[in-house]
């Protein structure tokens, strides 16, 4: 597809060097600013804080939390992952 409106990226920066990781993150942000919908799957909290405006925490195929805006902090993410928020 030459101009997708929706992208699903599953761990696109796993196992690559920091410079390339930053380039991918910048590209994701650019695509989002252009109006593309991007689902960015990552196990790195710092990366999620840099690249997303909404974060959904999944456990055993179920959504266990959703964070946006001021709730997108490392502490709130960790609490949600640990099961302290729904």
PDB file of N, CA and C in Angstrom:
ATOM      1  N   UNK A   1       0.846  -1.158   0.000  1.00  0.00           N
ATOM      2  CA  UNK A   1       0.000   0.000   0.000  1.00  0.00           C
ATOM      3  C   UNK A   1       0.901   1.233   0.000  1.00  0.00           C
ATOM      4  N   UNK A   2       0.627   2.176  -0.849  1.00  0.00           N
ATOM      5  CA  UNK A   2       1.516   3.322  -0.983  1.00  0.00           C
ATOM      6  C   UNK A   2       1.203   4.469  -0.033  1.00  0.00           C
ATOM      7  N   UNK A   3      -0.026   4.594   0.446  1.00  0.00           N
ATOM      8  CA  UNK A   3      -0.373   5.690   1.344  1.00  0.00           C
ATOM      9  C   UNK A   3      -1.356   5.220   2.410  1.00  0.00           C
ATOM     10  N   UNK A   4      -0.903   4.358   3.305  1.00  0.00           N
ATOM     11  CA  UNK A   4      -1.829   3.831   4.314  1.00  0.00           C
ATOM     12  C   UNK A   4      -2.275   4.926   5.287  1.00  0.00           C
ATOM     13  N   UNK A   5      -3.491   4.825   5.761  1.00  0.00           N
ATOM     14  CA  UNK A   5      -4.015   5.765   6.745  1.00  0.00           C
ATOM     15  C   UNK A   5      -3.890   5.199   8.155  1.00  0.00           C
ATOM     16  N   UNK A   6      -3.640   3.909   8.269  1.00  0.00           N
ATOM     17  CA  UNK A   6      -3.538   3.248   9.567  1.00  0.00           C
ATOM     18  C   UNK A   6      -2.338   2.321   9.553  1.00  0.00           C
ATOM     19  N   UNK A   7      -1.473   2.445  10.557  1.00  0.00           N
ATOM     20  CA  UNK A   7      -0.289   1.593  10.652  1.00  0.00           C
ATOM     21  C   UNK A   7      -0.278   0.879  11.991  1.00  0.00           C
ATOM     22  N   UNK A   8       0.091  -0.380  11.973  1.00  0.00           N
ATOM     23  CA  UNK A   8       0.300  -1.149  13.196  1.00  0.00           C
ATOM     24  C   UNK A   8       1.780  -1.528  13.223  1.00  0.00           C
ATOM     25  N   UNK A   9       2.496  -1.000  14.208  1.00  0.00           N
ATOM     26  CA  UNK A   9       3.928  -1.232  14.328  1.00  0.00           C
ATOM     27  C   UNK A   9       4.188  -2.012  15.611  1.00  0.00           C
ATOM     28  N   UNK A  10       4.615  -3.244  15.477  1.00  0.00           N
ATOM     29  CA  UNK A  10       4.842  -4.123  16.622  1.00  0.00           C
ATOM     30  C   UNK A  10       6.329  -4.172  16.940  1.00  0.00           C
ATOM     31  N   UNK A  11       6.720  -3.497  18.028  1.00  0.00           N
ATOM     32  CA  UNK A  11       8.111  -3.433  18.492  1.00  0.00           C
ATOM     33  C   UNK A  11       9.063  -3.027  17.350  1.00  0.00           C
ATOM     34  N   UNK A  12       8.785  -1.908  16.653  1.00  0.00           N
ATOM     35  CA  UNK A  12       9.609  -1.549  15.499  1.00  0.00           C
ATOM     36  C   UNK A  12      11.030  -1.116  15.849  1.00  0.00           C
ATOM     37  N   UNK A  13      11.303  -0.829  17.113  1.00  0.00           N
ATOM     38  CA  UNK A  13      12.652  -0.377  17.479  1.00  0.00           C
ATOM     39  C   UNK A  13      13.423  -1.398  18.296  1.00  0.00           C
ATOM     40  N   UNK A  14      12.874  -2.561  18.466  1.00  0.00           N
ATOM     41  CA  UNK A  14      13.535  -3.585  19.291  1.00  0.00           C
ATOM     42  C   UNK A  14      14.825  -4.068  18.618  1.00  0.00           C
ATOM     43  N   UNK A  15      15.908  -4.023  19.368  1.00  0.00           N
ATOM     44  CA  UNK A  15      17.175  -4.583  18.898  1.00  0.00           C
ATOM     45  C   UNK A  15      17.938  -3.714  17.916  1.00  0.00           C
ATOM     46  N   UNK A  16      17.611  -2.430  17.831  1.00  0.00           N
ATOM     47  CA  UNK A  16      18.351  -1.562  16.911  1.00  0.00           C
ATOM     48  C   UNK A  16      19.089  -0.491  17.699  1.00  0.00           C
ATOM     49  N   UNK A  17      20.019   0.183  17.020  1.00  0.00           N
ATOM     50  CA  UNK A  17      20.825   1.190  17.719  1.00  0.00           C
ATOM     51  C   UNK A  17      19.996   2.433  18.055  1.00  0.00           C
ATOM     52  N   UNK A  18      20.496   3.215  18.987  1.00  0.00           N
ATOM     53  CA  UNK A  18      19.764   4.378  19.520  1.00  0.00           C
ATOM     54  C   UNK A  18      19.456   5.402  18.428  1.00  0.00           C
ATOM     55  N   UNK A  19      20.387   5.655  17.537  1.00  0.00           N
ATOM     56  CA  UNK A  19      20.161   6.635  16.471  1.00  0.00           C
ATOM     57  C   UNK A  19      19.010   6.235  15.568  1.00  0.00           C
ATOM     58  N   UNK A  20      18.980   4.994  15.159  1.00  0.00           N
ATOM     59  CA  UNK A  20      17.900   4.500  14.306  1.00  0.00           C
ATOM     60  C   UNK A  20      16.587   4.477  15.064  1.00  0.00           C
ATOM     61  N   UNK A  21      16.645   4.132  16.344  1.00  0.00           N
ATOM     62  CA  UNK A  21      15.445   4.127  17.182  1.00  0.00           C
ATOM     63  C   UNK A  21      14.827   5.527  17.210  1.00  0.00           C
ATOM     64  N   UNK A  22      15.662   6.542  17.387  1.00  0.00           N
ATOM     65  CA  UNK A  22      15.182   7.924  17.413  1.00  0.00           C
ATOM     66  C   UNK A  22      14.568   8.307  16.073  1.00  0.00           C
ATOM     67  N   UNK A  23      15.188   7.909  14.982  1.00  0.00           N
ATOM     68  CA  UNK A  23      14.646   8.207  13.641  1.00  0.00           C
ATOM     69  C   UNK A  23      13.266   7.585  13.462  1.00  0.00           C
ATOM     70  N   UNK A  24      13.092   6.354  13.901  1.00  0.00           N
ATOM     71  CA  UNK A  24      11.793   5.684  13.782  1.00  0.00           C
ATOM     72  C   UNK A  24      10.749   6.405  14.633  1.00  0.00           C
ATOM     73  N   UNK A  25      11.119   6.776  15.843  1.00  0.00           N
ATOM     74  CA  UNK A  25      10.186   7.491  16.710  1.00  0.00           C
ATOM     75  C   UNK A  25       9.778   8.827  16.097  1.00  0.00           C
ATOM     76  N   UNK A  26      10.731   9.546  15.518  1.00  0.00           N
ATOM     77  CA  UNK A  26      10.424  10.820  14.863  1.00  0.00           C
ATOM     78  C   UNK A  26       9.507  10.610  13.664  1.00  0.00           C
ATOM     79  N   UNK A  27       9.724   9.545  12.913  1.00  0.00           N
ATOM     80  CA  UNK A  27       8.867   9.236  11.766  1.00  0.00           C
ATOM     81  C   UNK A  27       7.441   8.930  12.225  1.00  0.00           C
ATOM     82  N   UNK A  28       7.302   8.183  13.301  1.00  0.00           N
ATOM     83  CA  UNK A  28       5.977   7.868  13.842  1.00  0.00           C
ATOM     84  C   UNK A  28       5.253   9.155  14.236  1.00  0.00           C
ATOM     85  N   UNK A  29       5.953  10.058  14.915  1.00  0.00           N
ATOM     86  CA  UNK A  29       5.345  11.333  15.314  1.00  0.00           C
ATOM     87  C   UNK A  29       4.955  12.166  14.094  1.00  0.00           C
ATOM     88  N   UNK A  30       5.791  12.159  13.063  1.00  0.00           N
ATOM     89  CA  UNK A  30       5.492  12.897  11.829  1.00  0.00           C
ATOM     90  C   UNK A  30       4.234  12.330  11.160  1.00  0.00           C
ATOM     91  N   UNK A  31       4.138  11.023  11.075  1.00  0.00           N
ATOM     92  CA  UNK A  31       2.968  10.396  10.459  1.00  0.00           C
ATOM     93  C   UNK A  31       1.694  10.730  11.234  1.00  0.00           C
ATOM     94  N   UNK A  32       1.781  10.727  12.550  1.00  0.00           N
ATOM     95  CA  UNK A  32       0.621  11.066  13.378  1.00  0.00           C
ATOM     96  C   UNK A  32       0.205  12.519  13.146  1.00  0.00           C
ATOM     97  N   UNK A  33       1.173  13.414  13.042  1.00  0.00           N
ATOM     98  CA  UNK A  33       0.866  14.828  12.777  1.00  0.00           C
ATOM     99  C   UNK A  33       0.217  15.013  11.412  1.00  0.00           C
ATOM    100  N   UNK A  34       0.522  14.122  10.483  1.00  0.00           N
ATOM    101  CA  UNK A  34      -0.084  14.163   9.148  1.00  0.00           C
ATOM    102  C   UNK A  34      -1.489  13.578   9.138  1.00  0.00           C
ATOM    103  N   UNK A  35      -1.949  13.092  10.282  1.00  0.00           N
ATOM    104  CA  UNK A  35      -3.301  12.552  10.373  1.00  0.00           C
ATOM    105  C   UNK A  35      -3.398  11.044  10.250  1.00  0.00           C
ATOM    106  N   UNK A  36      -2.272  10.366  10.186  1.00  0.00           N
ATOM    107  CA  UNK A  36      -2.289   8.903  10.127  1.00  0.00           C
ATOM    108  C   UNK A  36      -2.592   8.350  11.518  1.00  0.00           C
ATOM    109  N   UNK A  37      -3.268   7.241  11.563  1.00  0.00           N
ATOM    110  CA  UNK A  37      -3.491   6.534  12.825  1.00  0.00           C
ATOM    111  C   UNK A  37      -2.379   5.508  12.983  1.00  0.00           C
ATOM    112  N   UNK A  38      -1.719   5.544  14.127  1.00  0.00           N
ATOM    113  CA  UNK A  38      -0.586   4.646  14.351  1.00  0.00           C
ATOM    114  C   UNK A  38      -0.797   3.896  15.659  1.00  0.00           C
ATOM    115  N   UNK A  39      -0.812   2.571  15.574  1.00  0.00           N
ATOM    116  CA  UNK A  39      -0.777   1.728  16.759  1.00  0.00           C
ATOM    117  C   UNK A  39       0.668   1.304  16.930  1.00  0.00           C
ATOM    118  N   UNK A  40       1.271   1.739  18.025  1.00  0.00           N
ATOM    119  CA  UNK A  40       2.698   1.528  18.272  1.00  0.00           C
ATOM    120  C   UNK A  40       2.825   0.602  19.466  1.00  0.00           C
ATOM    121  N   UNK A  41       3.188  -0.626  19.219  1.00  0.00           N
ATOM    122  CA  UNK A  41       3.304  -1.625  20.280  1.00  0.00           C
ATOM    123  C   UNK A  41       4.758  -1.645  20.755  1.00  0.00           C
ATOM    124  N   UNK A  42       4.946  -1.445  22.064  1.00  0.00           N
ATOM    125  CA  UNK A  42       6.290  -1.418  22.611  1.00  0.00           C
ATOM    126  C   UNK A  42       6.253  -1.883  24.061  1.00  0.00           C
ATOM    127  N   UNK A  43       7.346  -2.484  24.495  1.00  0.00           N
ATOM    128  CA  UNK A  43       7.467  -2.884  25.893  1.00  0.00           C
ATOM    129  C   UNK A  43       8.348  -1.898  26.662  1.00  0.00           C
ATOM    130  N   UNK A  44       8.763  -0.816  25.996  1.00  0.00           N
ATOM    131  CA  UNK A  44       9.632   0.175  26.627  1.00  0.00           C
ATOM    132  C   UNK A  44       8.810   1.396  27.036  1.00  0.00           C
ATOM    133  N   UNK A  45       8.696   1.630  28.332  1.00  0.00           N
ATOM    134  CA  UNK A  45       7.871   2.726  28.836  1.00  0.00           C
ATOM    135  C   UNK A  45       8.390   4.080  28.366  1.00  0.00           C
ATOM    136  N   UNK A  46       9.694   4.310  28.402  1.00  0.00           N
ATOM    137  CA  UNK A  46      10.240   5.592  27.949  1.00  0.00           C
ATOM    138  C   UNK A  46       9.862   5.872  26.501  1.00  0.00           C
ATOM    139  N   UNK A  47       9.908   4.848  25.690  1.00  0.00           N
ATOM    140  CA  UNK A  47       9.548   4.997  24.281  1.00  0.00           C
ATOM    141  C   UNK A  47       8.068   5.356  24.135  1.00  0.00           C
ATOM    142  N   UNK A  48       7.233   4.722  24.914  1.00  0.00           N
ATOM    143  CA  UNK A  48       5.803   5.019  24.842  1.00  0.00           C
ATOM    144  C   UNK A  48       5.525   6.456  25.280  1.00  0.00           C
ATOM    145  N   UNK A  49       6.216   6.921  26.302  1.00  0.00           N
ATOM    146  CA  UNK A  49       6.028   8.291  26.758  1.00  0.00           C
ATOM    147  C   UNK A  49       6.446   9.305  25.694  1.00  0.00           C
ATOM    148  N   UNK A  50       7.436   8.956  24.869  1.00  0.00           N
ATOM    149  CA  UNK A  50       7.901   9.854  23.810  1.00  0.00           C
ATOM    150  C   UNK A  50       7.000   9.839  22.582  1.00  0.00           C
ATOM    151  N   UNK A  51       6.318   8.736  22.334  1.00  0.00           N
ATOM    152  CA  UNK A  51       5.650   8.591  21.035  1.00  0.00           C
ATOM    153  C   UNK A  51       4.132   8.538  21.060  1.00  0.00           C
ATOM    154  N   UNK A  52       3.503   8.446  22.208  1.00  0.00           N
ATOM    155  CA  UNK A  52       2.049   8.254  22.163  1.00  0.00           C
ATOM    156  C   UNK A  52       1.282   9.347  22.895  1.00  0.00           C
ATOM    157  N   UNK A  53       0.042   9.510  22.472  1.00  0.00           N
ATOM    158  CA  UNK A  53      -0.880  10.437  23.122  1.00  0.00           C
ATOM    159  C   UNK A  53      -1.950   9.672  23.890  1.00  0.00           C
ATOM    160  N   UNK A  54      -2.048   8.397  23.624  1.00  0.00           N
ATOM    161  CA  UNK A  54      -2.983   7.513  24.326  1.00  0.00           C
ATOM    162  C   UNK A  54      -2.319   6.154  24.455  1.00  0.00           C
ATOM    163  N   UNK A  55      -2.397   5.567  25.643  1.00  0.00           N
ATOM    164  CA  UNK A  55      -1.747   4.286  25.880  1.00  0.00           C
ATOM    165  C   UNK A  55      -2.775   3.309  26.428  1.00  0.00           C
ATOM    166  N   UNK A  56      -2.829   2.136  25.825  1.00  0.00           N
ATOM    167  CA  UNK A  56      -3.722   1.074  26.285  1.00  0.00           C
ATOM    168  C   UNK A  56      -2.844  -0.061  26.801  1.00  0.00           C
ATOM    169  N   UNK A  57      -3.109  -0.486  28.027  1.00  0.00           N
ATOM    170  CA  UNK A  57      -2.366  -1.600  28.630  1.00  0.00           C
ATOM    171  C   UNK A  57      -3.199  -2.859  28.459  1.00  0.00           C
ATOM    172  N   UNK A  58      -2.577  -3.883  27.883  1.00  0.00           N
ATOM    173  CA  UNK A  58      -3.248  -5.157  27.642  1.00  0.00           C
ATOM    174  C   UNK A  58      -2.586  -6.234  28.503  1.00  0.00           C
ATOM    175  N   UNK A  59      -3.412  -7.145  29.011  1.00  0.00           N
ATOM    176  CA  UNK A  59      -2.907  -8.298  29.749  1.00  0.00           C
ATOM    177  C   UNK A  59      -3.795  -9.485  29.414  1.00  0.00           C
ATOM    178  N   UNK A  60      -3.205 -10.581  29.008  1.00  0.00           N
ATOM    179  CA  UNK A  60      -3.955 -11.792  28.663  1.00  0.00           C
ATOM    180  C   UNK A  60      -5.085 -11.494  27.683  1.00  0.00           C
ATOM    181  N   UNK A  61      -4.775 -10.707  26.643  1.00  0.00           N
ATOM    182  CA  UNK A  61      -5.713 -10.369  25.563  1.00  0.00           C
ATOM    183  C   UNK A  61      -6.842  -9.448  25.996  1.00  0.00           C
ATOM    184  N   UNK A  62      -6.753  -8.877  27.187  1.00  0.00           N
ATOM    185  CA  UNK A  62      -7.792  -7.985  27.690  1.00  0.00           C
ATOM    186  C   UNK A  62      -7.208  -6.612  27.979  1.00  0.00           C
ATOM    187  N   UNK A  63      -7.999  -5.582  27.707  1.00  0.00           N
ATOM    188  CA  UNK A  63      -7.594  -4.236  28.057  1.00  0.00           C
ATOM    189  C   UNK A  63      -7.770  -4.049  29.560  1.00  0.00           C
ATOM    190  N   UNK A  64      -6.681  -3.683  30.245  1.00  0.00           N
ATOM    191  CA  UNK A  64      -6.742  -3.496  31.695  1.00  0.00           C
ATOM    192  C   UNK A  64      -6.581  -2.030  32.082  1.00  0.00           C
ATOM    193  N   UNK A  65      -6.312  -1.176  31.113  1.00  0.00           N
ATOM    194  CA  UNK A  65      -6.192   0.242  31.414  1.00  0.00           C
ATOM    195  C   UNK A  65      -5.992   1.067  30.168  1.00  0.00           C
ATOM    196  N   UNK A  66      -6.370   2.344  30.277  1.00  0.00           N
ATOM    197  CA  UNK A  66      -6.165   3.297  29.191  1.00  0.00           C
ATOM    198  C   UNK A  66      -5.768   4.623  29.824  1.00  0.00           C
ATOM    199  N   UNK A  67      -4.672   5.184  29.335  1.00  0.00           N
ATOM    200  CA  UNK A  67      -4.146   6.429  29.887  1.00  0.00           C
ATOM    201  C   UNK A  67      -4.005   7.460  28.774  1.00  0.00           C
ATOM    202  N   UNK A  68      -4.365   8.705  29.087  1.00  0.00           N
ATOM    203  CA  UNK A  68      -4.196   9.818  28.155  1.00  0.00           C
ATOM    204  C   UNK A  68      -3.791  11.057  28.934  1.00  0.00           C
ATOM    205  N   UNK A  69      -3.357  12.064  28.212  1.00  0.00           N
ATOM    206  CA  UNK A  69      -3.071  13.366  28.812  1.00  0.00           C
ATOM    207  C   UNK A  69      -2.151  13.298  30.007  1.00  0.00           C
ATOM    208  N   UNK A  70      -2.595  13.924  31.119  1.00  0.00           N
ATOM    209  CA  UNK A  70      -1.792  13.984  32.340  1.00  0.00           C
ATOM    210  C   UNK A  70      -1.576  12.650  33.011  1.00  0.00           C
ATOM    211  N   UNK A  71      -2.374  11.640  32.623  1.00  0.00           N
ATOM    212  CA  UNK A  71      -2.193  10.299  33.195  1.00  0.00           C
ATOM    213  C   UNK A  71      -1.047   9.540  32.537  1.00  0.00           C
ATOM    214  N   UNK A  72      -0.496  10.083  31.453  1.00  0.00           N
ATOM    215  CA  UNK A  72       0.612   9.415  30.777  1.00  0.00           C
ATOM    216  C   UNK A  72       1.920   9.736  31.492  1.00  0.00           C
ATOM    217  N   UNK A  73       2.115   9.085  32.626  1.00  0.00           N
ATOM    218  CA  UNK A  73       3.348   9.218  33.392  1.00  0.00           C
ATOM    219  C   UNK A  73       3.897   7.825  33.652  1.00  0.00           C
ATOM    220  N   UNK A  74       5.184   7.759  33.938  1.00  0.00           N
ATOM    221  CA  UNK A  74       5.793   6.462  34.210  1.00  0.00           C
ATOM    222  C   UNK A  74       5.115   5.797  35.401  1.00  0.00           C
ATOM    223  N   UNK A  75       4.828   6.558  36.442  1.00  0.00           N
ATOM    224  CA  UNK A  75       4.187   5.995  37.627  1.00  0.00           C
ATOM    225  C   UNK A  75       2.818   5.411  37.338  1.00  0.00           C
ATOM    226  N   UNK A  76       1.993   6.152  36.595  1.00  0.00           N
ATOM    227  CA  UNK A  76       0.642   5.664  36.278  1.00  0.00           C
ATOM    228  C   UNK A  76       0.708   4.442  35.359  1.00  0.00           C
ATOM    229  N   UNK A  77       1.654   4.465  34.437  1.00  0.00           N
ATOM    230  CA  UNK A  77       1.803   3.310  33.542  1.00  0.00           C
ATOM    231  C   UNK A  77       2.188   2.076  34.356  1.00  0.00           C
ATOM    232  N   UNK A  78       3.170   2.223  35.244  1.00  0.00           N
ATOM    233  CA  UNK A  78       3.607   1.092  36.065  1.00  0.00           C
ATOM    234  C   UNK A  78       2.475   0.580  36.952  1.00  0.00           C
ATOM    235  N   UNK A  79       1.695   1.488  37.532  1.00  0.00           N
ATOM    236  CA  UNK A  79       0.559   1.086  38.366  1.00  0.00           C
ATOM    237  C   UNK A  79      -0.459   0.304  37.550  1.00  0.00           C
ATOM    238  N   UNK A  80      -0.735   0.776  36.339  1.00  0.00           N
ATOM    239  CA  UNK A  80      -1.692   0.096  35.474  1.00  0.00           C
ATOM    240  C   UNK A  80      -1.182  -1.276  35.061  1.00  0.00           C
ATOM    241  N   UNK A  81       0.093  -1.347  34.701  1.00  0.00           N
ATOM    242  CA  UNK A  81       0.679  -2.637  34.329  1.00  0.00           C
ATOM    243  C   UNK A  81       0.596  -3.619  35.493  1.00  0.00           C
ATOM    244  N   UNK A  82       0.825  -3.129  36.708  1.00  0.00           N
ATOM    245  CA  UNK A  82       0.807  -3.990  37.892  1.00  0.00           C
ATOM    246  C   UNK A  82      -0.611  -4.370  38.336  1.00  0.00           C
ATOM    247  N   UNK A  83      -1.614  -3.769  37.685  1.00  0.00           N
ATOM    248  CA  UNK A  83      -2.981  -4.138  38.004  1.00  0.00           C
ATOM    249  C   UNK A  83      -3.672  -3.215  38.982  1.00  0.00           C
ATOM    250  N   UNK A  84      -3.094  -2.034  39.225  1.00  0.00           N
ATOM    251  CA  UNK A  84      -3.690  -1.119  40.190  1.00  0.00           C
ATOM    252  C   UNK A  84      -4.698  -0.152  39.624  1.00  0.00           C
ATOM    253  N   UNK A  85      -4.969  -0.219  38.308  1.00  0.00           N
ATOM    254  CA  UNK A  85      -5.919   0.722  37.703  1.00  0.00           C
ATOM    255  C   UNK A  85      -6.639   0.047  36.557  1.00  0.00           C
ATOM    256  N   UNK A  86      -7.900   0.398  36.372  1.00  0.00           N
ATOM    257  CA  UNK A  86      -8.679  -0.130  35.242  1.00  0.00           C
ATOM    258  C   UNK A  86      -9.270   0.990  34.474  1.00  0.00           C
TER     259      UNK A  86
END
